[in-house]
Amino acid sequence: MALQMDAAALNRFLEAEFAQVAGEFTVEAVEEMAVTVRMTIGEKHLRPGGTVSGPSMFALADVSVYLAILAMIGPKALTVTTGCSLDFMRKPAAGADLIAQCRLLKLGRVLAVGDVLLYSEGVAQPVARASMTYSIPPER
């Protein structure tokens, strides 16, 4: 299966369809069945103690799998999360953006499964790992 959307197209899609998070997520790279997404970390993403909150890390993992799917199938906005497992492994570096490296493990007609490693920019070891399942709307 060939790519349907490149990084520029995915970034435009985010700006148009998800204006509420415009500027928070940037697709940096797209390959077949994989994307790299940056989350620009600001004050609103922090929890007490100055580390990135769990909900912010979930959002990055979630949007990364979503974008990896759209890169392969095109702009189907109604593709939705149906399952998630998220492991927090270490504290993110203070003040650093988060980088998601996502790969799709399965991309079927109605179901997709992705794996995401989250990194603090400049740190070699991942801060979290997510496994996510998505439902793809049927063709009409």
Protein backbone atom coordinates (compact mmCIF):
# COMPACT_ATOMS: atom_id res chain seq x y z
CA MET A 1 0.00 0.00 0.00
CA ALA A 2 1.40 3.39 -0.99
CA LEU A 3 1.39 6.57 1.08
CA GLN A 4 -1.72 8.72 0.57
CA MET A 5 -0.58 11.75 2.61
CA ASP A 6 2.89 13.15 3.23
CA ALA A 7 4.03 15.24 6.22
CA ALA A 8 2.86 18.53 4.69
CA ALA A 9 -0.60 17.12 3.91
CA LEU A 10 -0.95 15.67 7.42
CA ASN A 11 0.06 18.99 9.02
CA ARG A 12 -2.50 20.83 6.86
CA PHE A 13 -5.15 18.26 7.84
CA LEU A 14 -4.42 18.83 11.55
CA GLU A 15 -4.69 22.60 11.14
CA ALA A 16 -7.98 22.34 9.24
CA GLU A 17 -9.72 19.57 11.21
CA PHE A 18 -8.27 20.02 14.71
CA ALA A 19 -7.77 23.75 15.10
CA GLN A 20 -8.08 23.34 18.89
CA VAL A 21 -4.60 21.77 18.95
CA ALA A 22 -3.04 23.72 16.08
CA GLY A 23 0.62 24.28 16.75
CA GLU A 24 0.93 21.56 19.41
CA PHE A 25 1.68 18.66 17.04
CA THR A 26 3.96 18.67 14.00
CA VAL A 27 4.47 15.72 11.68
CA GLU A 28 8.22 15.62 11.09
CA ALA A 29 8.55 12.49 8.95
CA VAL A 30 6.32 10.01 7.15
CA GLU A 31 7.24 6.60 5.81
CA GLU A 32 5.12 3.68 4.75
CA MET A 33 3.34 2.51 7.95
CA ALA A 34 5.27 4.97 10.18
CA VAL A 35 5.35 8.61 11.30
CA THR A 36 7.43 10.80 13.58
CA VAL A 37 5.46 13.51 15.40
CA ARG A 38 6.68 16.32 17.66
CA MET A 39 4.64 17.72 20.52
CA THR A 40 5.68 21.25 21.46
CA ILE A 41 5.62 21.22 25.25
CA GLY A 42 4.33 24.30 27.04
CA GLU A 43 3.17 25.19 30.53
CA LYS A 44 -0.29 23.64 29.95
CA HIS A 45 1.30 20.21 29.41
CA LEU A 46 3.04 20.12 32.79
CA ARG A 47 1.91 18.55 36.02
CA PRO A 48 3.11 19.43 39.53
CA GLY A 49 6.82 18.70 39.77
CA GLY A 50 7.49 20.16 36.32
CA THR A 51 7.13 16.99 34.27
CA VAL A 52 4.89 16.35 31.27
CA SER A 53 1.46 15.06 32.30
CA GLY A 54 0.15 11.62 31.43
CA PRO A 55 -2.81 13.03 29.48
CA SER A 56 -0.40 15.03 27.31
CA MET A 57 1.67 11.92 26.59
CA PHE A 58 -1.52 10.01 25.76
CA ALA A 59 -2.54 12.76 23.34
CA LEU A 60 0.78 12.52 21.50
CA ALA A 61 0.58 8.72 21.22
CA ASP A 62 -3.04 8.90 20.11
CA VAL A 63 -2.55 11.56 17.43
CA SER A 64 0.57 9.77 16.15
CA VAL A 65 -1.25 6.51 15.44
CA TYR A 66 -4.15 8.46 13.93
CA LEU A 67 -1.78 10.30 11.60
CA ALA A 68 0.08 7.12 10.64
CA ILE A 69 -3.24 5.59 9.59
CA LEU A 70 -4.29 8.67 7.63
CA ALA A 71 -0.92 8.73 5.88
CA MET A 72 -1.81 5.30 4.49
CA ILE A 73 -5.58 5.59 3.86
CA GLY A 74 -6.10 9.30 3.23
CA PRO A 75 -8.04 11.94 5.17
CA LYS A 76 -10.78 9.91 6.88
CA ALA A 77 -11.47 12.11 9.90
CA LEU A 78 -13.88 9.65 11.56
CA THR A 79 -11.20 7.02 12.22
CA VAL A 80 -11.40 6.53 16.02
CA THR A 81 -9.46 5.02 18.91
CA THR A 82 -10.98 1.80 20.25
CA GLY A 83 -8.25 0.65 22.63
CA CYS A 84 -5.07 1.84 24.32
CA SER A 85 -2.36 0.58 26.64
CA LEU A 86 0.21 3.11 27.81
CA ASP A 87 3.32 2.38 29.88
CA PHE A 88 5.13 5.28 31.54
CA MET A 89 8.80 4.31 31.88
CA ARG A 90 10.75 7.39 32.97
CA LYS A 91 10.28 11.06 33.71
CA PRO A 92 10.43 13.28 30.61
CA ALA A 93 13.22 15.87 30.55
CA ALA A 94 12.09 19.26 31.89
CA GLY A 95 11.32 21.76 29.15
CA ALA A 96 11.99 19.36 26.27
CA ASP A 97 9.56 18.65 23.45
CA LEU A 98 8.28 15.09 23.12
CA ILE A 99 8.92 13.06 19.98
CA ALA A 100 6.73 10.10 19.00
CA GLN A 101 8.02 7.36 16.77
CA CYS A 102 4.99 5.43 15.58
CA ARG A 103 4.73 2.35 13.42
CA LEU A 104 1.63 0.54 12.33
CA LEU A 105 1.71 -3.17 13.09
CA LYS A 106 -1.56 -3.95 11.30
CA LEU A 107 -3.59 -1.95 8.84
CA GLY A 108 -6.71 -3.80 7.79
CA ARG A 109 -9.93 -2.73 6.12
CA VAL A 110 -11.67 -1.82 9.42
CA LEU A 111 -9.01 -2.15 12.13
CA ALA A 112 -5.50 -0.78 12.67
CA VAL A 113 -2.98 -1.43 15.45
CA GLY A 114 -0.03 0.84 16.16
CA ASP A 115 2.96 0.92 18.48
CA VAL A 116 4.44 4.24 19.69
CA LEU A 117 7.63 5.08 21.55
CA LEU A 118 7.70 8.54 23.15
CA TYR A 119 11.02 10.31 23.71
CA SER A 120 12.11 13.55 25.34
CA GLU A 121 14.02 15.46 22.72
CA GLY A 122 17.73 14.74 23.04
CA VAL A 123 17.33 11.70 25.32
CA ALA A 124 18.07 8.23 23.92
CA GLN A 125 15.78 6.18 26.17
CA PRO A 126 11.98 6.31 25.68
CA VAL A 127 9.82 7.89 28.37
CA ALA A 128 6.69 5.92 27.44
CA ARG A 129 5.35 3.20 25.14
CA ALA A 130 1.82 2.90 23.81
CA SER A 131 -0.12 0.28 21.91
CA MET A 132 -3.26 1.63 20.26
CA THR A 133 -6.11 0.14 18.25
CA TYR A 134 -8.25 2.14 15.84
CA SER A 135 -11.50 1.53 14.01
CA ILE A 136 -11.58 2.71 10.39
CA PRO A 137 -14.98 3.79 9.06
CA PRO A 138 -16.38 1.65 6.22
CA GLU A 139 -16.37 3.01 2.68
CA ARG A 140 -19.72 4.49 1.62
